[in-house]
Amino acid sequence: MFSIFVVFDALLALPYGKLADHFGHTRTILVSWVAEMGWMMVFAYSTGPLMALAVFSVWVAFGSLDGPALQAVLGTLTITERRGFSLGFFNTFALAIVIPAELVTGALYSISNRLPFFANLLLDLAALGLFLSFLKSRWLERPTRQFENNVLIGAFASTMGA
């Protein structure tokens, strides 16, 4: 399964980056997260291992859509002199938050095999709401010297949507 993720992520990074530049970074992120919410419902009701593998492959393809757009948006959140550190901070935080996800998913799955997907859907909705509130306040358009706060909140929102 991880190999499928790596292959799709590698093959689609450049075309998705071009799409994000063409259609807009925030719009691309929103489309990706809404698509993921739909795929969570398909996952929850998939039957059989072959259907799960097919759904996983399509989900990974859509999940890769927001990667280049997120990096571009996060790059605009920070001052130029600290951009490398900020993106490194984002990646570290986003990956560190995902570490306990396996345990939480396993615990939810032991209750119901659909529960992890519904939980992911709720987190996606929360991330979408947080992201939309940032867009409404135009907060994402203002680079600031408080880059750690901006990137931390951006990492939290995108990880919730991941």
C-alpha atoms as a PDB file:
ATOM      1  CA  MET A   1       0.000   0.000   0.000  1.00  0.00           C
ATOM      2  CA  PHE A   2       2.842   2.370   0.838  1.00  0.00           C
ATOM      3  CA  SER A   3       4.386   1.670  -2.586  1.00  0.00           C
ATOM      4  CA  ILE A   4       1.150   2.743  -4.270  1.00  0.00           C
ATOM      5  CA  PHE A   5       1.256   5.977  -2.271  1.00  0.00           C
ATOM      6  CA  VAL A   6       4.884   6.701  -3.198  1.00  0.00           C
ATOM      7  CA  VAL A   7       4.340   5.962  -6.902  1.00  0.00           C
ATOM      8  CA  PHE A   8       1.255   8.179  -7.180  1.00  0.00           C
ATOM      9  CA  ASP A   9       2.822  10.935  -5.119  1.00  0.00           C
ATOM     10  CA  ALA A  10       5.975  10.953  -7.264  1.00  0.00           C
ATOM     11  CA  LEU A  11       4.170  10.759 -10.600  1.00  0.00           C
ATOM     12  CA  LEU A  12       1.562  13.390  -9.800  1.00  0.00           C
ATOM     13  CA  ALA A  13       3.602  16.019  -7.934  1.00  0.00           C
ATOM     14  CA  LEU A  14       4.624  17.970 -11.046  1.00  0.00           C
ATOM     15  CA  PRO A  15       1.250  17.913 -12.851  1.00  0.00           C
ATOM     16  CA  TYR A  16      -0.545  18.767  -9.607  1.00  0.00           C
ATOM     17  CA  GLY A  17       1.872  21.621  -8.996  1.00  0.00           C
ATOM     18  CA  LYS A  18       1.063  22.998 -12.454  1.00  0.00           C
ATOM     19  CA  LEU A  19      -2.668  22.606 -11.790  1.00  0.00           C
ATOM     20  CA  ALA A  20      -2.307  24.451  -8.482  1.00  0.00           C
ATOM     21  CA  ASP A  21      -0.465  27.296 -10.208  1.00  0.00           C
ATOM     22  CA  HIS A  22      -3.130  27.476 -12.900  1.00  0.00           C
ATOM     23  CA  PHE A  23      -6.296  27.173 -10.794  1.00  0.00           C
ATOM     24  CA  GLY A  24      -5.002  28.739  -7.595  1.00  0.00           C
ATOM     25  CA  HIS A  25      -3.377  27.204  -4.557  1.00  0.00           C
ATOM     26  CA  THR A  26      -6.216  27.662  -2.100  1.00  0.00           C
ATOM     27  CA  ARG A  27      -8.821  26.440  -4.601  1.00  0.00           C
ATOM     28  CA  THR A  28      -6.708  23.334  -5.264  1.00  0.00           C
ATOM     29  CA  ILE A  29      -6.427  22.618  -1.532  1.00  0.00           C
ATOM     30  CA  LEU A  30     -10.176  23.005  -1.088  1.00  0.00           C
ATOM     31  CA  VAL A  31     -10.966  20.697  -4.018  1.00  0.00           C
ATOM     32  CA  SER A  32      -8.513  18.110  -2.698  1.00  0.00           C
ATOM     33  CA  TRP A  33      -9.982  18.132   0.805  1.00  0.00           C
ATOM     34  CA  VAL A  34     -13.586  17.959  -0.414  1.00  0.00           C
ATOM     35  CA  ALA A  35     -12.637  15.046  -2.704  1.00  0.00           C
ATOM     36  CA  GLU A  36     -10.987  13.312   0.241  1.00  0.00           C
ATOM     37  CA  MET A  37     -14.166  13.651   2.267  1.00  0.00           C
ATOM     38  CA  GLY A  38     -16.063  11.914  -0.518  1.00  0.00           C
ATOM     39  CA  TRP A  39     -13.493   9.152  -0.714  1.00  0.00           C
ATOM     40  CA  MET A  40     -13.707   8.617   3.055  1.00  0.00           C
ATOM     41  CA  MET A  41     -17.370   7.731   2.599  1.00  0.00           C
ATOM     42  CA  VAL A  42     -16.519   5.375  -0.280  1.00  0.00           C
ATOM     43  CA  PHE A  43     -13.830   3.786   1.916  1.00  0.00           C
ATOM     44  CA  ALA A  44     -16.276   3.340   4.785  1.00  0.00           C
ATOM     45  CA  TYR A  45     -18.674   1.411   2.599  1.00  0.00           C
ATOM     46  CA  SER A  46     -16.213  -0.469   0.375  1.00  0.00           C
ATOM     47  CA  THR A  47     -16.568  -4.219   0.294  1.00  0.00           C
ATOM     48  CA  GLY A  48     -13.762  -6.623  -0.318  1.00  0.00           C
ATOM     49  CA  PRO A  49     -10.006  -6.212  -0.593  1.00  0.00           C
ATOM     50  CA  LEU A  50      -9.914  -5.449  -4.331  1.00  0.00           C
ATOM     51  CA  MET A  51     -12.393  -2.608  -3.981  1.00  0.00           C
ATOM     52  CA  ALA A  52     -10.443  -1.295  -0.997  1.00  0.00           C
ATOM     53  CA  LEU A  53      -7.216  -1.371  -3.047  1.00  0.00           C
ATOM     54  CA  ALA A  54      -8.884   0.451  -5.954  1.00  0.00           C
ATOM     55  CA  VAL A  55     -10.422   3.052  -3.638  1.00  0.00           C
ATOM     56  CA  PHE A  56      -7.074   3.480  -1.872  1.00  0.00           C
ATOM     57  CA  SER A  57      -5.330   4.112  -5.204  1.00  0.00           C
ATOM     58  CA  VAL A  58      -7.824   6.788  -6.240  1.00  0.00           C
ATOM     59  CA  TRP A  59      -7.768   8.317  -2.749  1.00  0.00           C
ATOM     60  CA  VAL A  60      -3.966   8.567  -2.872  1.00  0.00           C
ATOM     61  CA  ALA A  61      -4.175  10.209  -6.299  1.00  0.00           C
ATOM     62  CA  PHE A  62      -6.571  12.846  -4.943  1.00  0.00           C
ATOM     63  CA  GLY A  63      -4.613  13.129  -1.698  1.00  0.00           C
ATOM     64  CA  SER A  64      -1.511  14.124  -3.627  1.00  0.00           C
ATOM     65  CA  LEU A  65      -3.376  17.036  -5.210  1.00  0.00           C
ATOM     66  CA  ASP A  66      -2.917  19.360  -2.242  1.00  0.00           C
ATOM     67  CA  GLY A  67       0.803  18.713  -1.615  1.00  0.00           C
ATOM     68  CA  PRO A  68       2.345  21.267  -3.998  1.00  0.00           C
ATOM     69  CA  ALA A  69      -0.443  23.772  -3.262  1.00  0.00           C
ATOM     70  CA  LEU A  70       0.101  23.491   0.501  1.00  0.00           C
ATOM     71  CA  GLN A  71       3.818  24.076   0.113  1.00  0.00           C
ATOM     72  CA  ALA A  72       3.133  27.153  -2.037  1.00  0.00           C
ATOM     73  CA  VAL A  73       0.599  28.581   0.419  1.00  0.00           C
ATOM     74  CA  LEU A  74       2.889  27.942   3.371  1.00  0.00           C
ATOM     75  CA  GLY A  75       5.726  29.598   1.487  1.00  0.00           C
ATOM     76  CA  THR A  76       3.667  32.764   1.213  1.00  0.00           C
ATOM     77  CA  LEU A  77       2.938  32.763   4.947  1.00  0.00           C
ATOM     78  CA  THR A  78       6.508  33.510   5.909  1.00  0.00           C
ATOM     79  CA  ILE A  79       9.171  36.049   5.252  1.00  0.00           C
ATOM     80  CA  THR A  80      11.674  35.034   2.612  1.00  0.00           C
ATOM     81  CA  GLU A  81      14.635  34.759   4.991  1.00  0.00           C
ATOM     82  CA  ARG A  82      12.867  32.092   7.080  1.00  0.00           C
ATOM     83  CA  ARG A  83      10.974  30.201   4.359  1.00  0.00           C
ATOM     84  CA  GLY A  84      13.208  27.098   4.340  1.00  0.00           C
ATOM     85  CA  PHE A  85      12.989  26.756   8.094  1.00  0.00           C
ATOM     86  CA  SER A  86       9.232  27.297   8.008  1.00  0.00           C
ATOM     87  CA  LEU A  87       8.649  24.564   5.433  1.00  0.00           C
ATOM     88  CA  GLY A  88      10.942  22.236   7.391  1.00  0.00           C
ATOM     89  CA  PHE A  89       9.026  23.082  10.558  1.00  0.00           C
ATOM     90  CA  PHE A  90       5.730  22.376   8.788  1.00  0.00           C
ATOM     91  CA  ASN A  91       6.919  18.983   7.512  1.00  0.00           C
ATOM     92  CA  THR A  92       8.305  18.014  10.931  1.00  0.00           C
ATOM     93  CA  PHE A  93       5.118  19.016  12.731  1.00  0.00           C
ATOM     94  CA  ALA A  94       2.828  17.410  10.153  1.00  0.00           C
ATOM     95  CA  LEU A  95       4.707  14.108  10.270  1.00  0.00           C
ATOM     96  CA  ALA A  96       5.002  14.116  14.067  1.00  0.00           C
ATOM     97  CA  ILE A  97       1.256  14.570  14.426  1.00  0.00           C
ATOM     98  CA  VAL A  98       0.636  11.593  12.143  1.00  0.00           C
ATOM     99  CA  ILE A  99       2.750   9.191  14.249  1.00  0.00           C
ATOM    100  CA  PRO A 100      -0.007   8.349  16.780  1.00  0.00           C
ATOM    101  CA  ALA A 101      -2.614   8.138  14.001  1.00  0.00           C
ATOM    102  CA  GLU A 102      -1.915   4.418  13.563  1.00  0.00           C
ATOM    103  CA  LEU A 103      -2.811   3.743  17.198  1.00  0.00           C
ATOM    104  CA  VAL A 104      -5.942   5.877  17.093  1.00  0.00           C
ATOM    105  CA  THR A 105      -7.037   4.284  13.817  1.00  0.00           C
ATOM    106  CA  GLY A 106      -6.467   0.802  15.234  1.00  0.00           C
ATOM    107  CA  ALA A 107      -8.487   1.606  18.341  1.00  0.00           C
ATOM    108  CA  LEU A 108     -11.348   3.026  16.268  1.00  0.00           C
ATOM    109  CA  TYR A 109     -11.210   0.068  13.871  1.00  0.00           C
ATOM    110  CA  SER A 110     -11.510  -2.359  16.793  1.00  0.00           C
ATOM    111  CA  ILE A 111     -14.854  -0.732  17.611  1.00  0.00           C
ATOM    112  CA  SER A 112     -16.108  -0.596  14.005  1.00  0.00           C
ATOM    113  CA  ASN A 113     -14.342  -1.007  10.683  1.00  0.00           C
ATOM    114  CA  ARG A 114     -16.081   2.155   9.420  1.00  0.00           C
ATOM    115  CA  LEU A 115     -15.314   4.345  12.422  1.00  0.00           C
ATOM    116  CA  PRO A 116     -11.786   5.450  11.323  1.00  0.00           C
ATOM    117  CA  PHE A 117     -13.202   6.761   8.046  1.00  0.00           C
ATOM    118  CA  PHE A 118     -15.987   8.677   9.771  1.00  0.00           C
ATOM    119  CA  ALA A 119     -13.433  10.126  12.218  1.00  0.00           C
ATOM    120  CA  ASN A 120     -11.253  11.176   9.277  1.00  0.00           C
ATOM    121  CA  LEU A 121     -14.289  12.780   7.667  1.00  0.00           C
ATOM    122  CA  LEU A 122     -14.930  14.816  10.825  1.00  0.00           C
ATOM    123  CA  LEU A 123     -11.284  15.913  10.953  1.00  0.00           C
ATOM    124  CA  ASP A 124     -11.470  16.865   7.271  1.00  0.00           C
ATOM    125  CA  LEU A 125     -14.547  18.973   7.975  1.00  0.00           C
ATOM    126  CA  ALA A 126     -12.780  20.669  10.901  1.00  0.00           C
ATOM    127  CA  ALA A 127      -9.703  21.354   8.751  1.00  0.00           C
ATOM    128  CA  LEU A 128     -11.881  22.708   5.966  1.00  0.00           C
ATOM    129  CA  GLY A 129     -13.683  24.999   8.395  1.00  0.00           C
ATOM    130  CA  LEU A 130     -10.385  26.249   9.831  1.00  0.00           C
ATOM    131  CA  PHE A 131      -8.959  26.818   6.366  1.00  0.00           C
ATOM    132  CA  LEU A 132     -12.102  28.634   5.186  1.00  0.00           C
ATOM    133  CA  SER A 133     -12.017  30.872   8.248  1.00  0.00           C
ATOM    134  CA  PHE A 134      -8.421  31.778   7.384  1.00  0.00           C
ATOM    135  CA  LEU A 135      -9.477  32.554   3.816  1.00  0.00           C
ATOM    136  CA  LYS A 136     -12.362  34.694   5.003  1.00  0.00           C
ATOM    137  CA  SER A 137     -10.075  36.700   7.269  1.00  0.00           C
ATOM    138  CA  ARG A 138      -7.541  36.968   4.424  1.00  0.00           C
ATOM    139  CA  TRP A 139      -4.980  35.755   6.957  1.00  0.00           C
ATOM    140  CA  LEU A 140      -3.312  33.501   4.384  1.00  0.00           C
ATOM    141  CA  GLU A 141      -2.399  36.459   2.189  1.00  0.00           C
ATOM    142  CA  ARG A 142      -0.232  38.270   4.748  1.00  0.00           C
ATOM    143  CA  PRO A 143       3.347  37.140   5.272  1.00  0.00           C
ATOM    144  CA  THR A 144       4.404  37.810   8.809  1.00  0.00           C
ATOM    145  CA  ARG A 145       7.392  37.557  11.081  1.00  0.00           C
ATOM    146  CA  GLN A 146       5.347  35.294  13.338  1.00  0.00           C
ATOM    147  CA  PHE A 147       6.064  32.456  10.930  1.00  0.00           C
ATOM    148  CA  GLU A 148       6.084  29.724  13.561  1.00  0.00           C
ATOM    149  CA  ASN A 149       2.486  30.490  14.530  1.00  0.00           C
ATOM    150  CA  ASN A 150       1.333  30.684  10.921  1.00  0.00           C
ATOM    151  CA  VAL A 151       3.078  27.485   9.896  1.00  0.00           C
ATOM    152  CA  LEU A 152       2.027  25.661  13.062  1.00  0.00           C
ATOM    153  CA  ILE A 153      -1.629  26.501  12.429  1.00  0.00           C
ATOM    154  CA  GLY A 154      -1.230  25.664   8.735  1.00  0.00           C
ATOM    155  CA  ALA A 155       0.375  22.333   9.595  1.00  0.00           C
ATOM    156  CA  PHE A 156      -2.384  21.543  12.060  1.00  0.00           C
ATOM    157  CA  ALA A 157      -5.101  22.320   9.514  1.00  0.00           C
ATOM    158  CA  SER A 158      -3.483  20.379   6.700  1.00  0.00           C
ATOM    159  CA  THR A 159      -2.685  17.403   8.917  1.00  0.00           C
ATOM    160  CA  MET A 160      -6.278  17.289  10.075  1.00  0.00           C
ATOM    161  CA  GLY A 161      -7.221  17.190   6.405  1.00  0.00           C
ATOM    162  CA  ALA A 162      -4.661  14.509   5.604  1.00  0.00           C
END
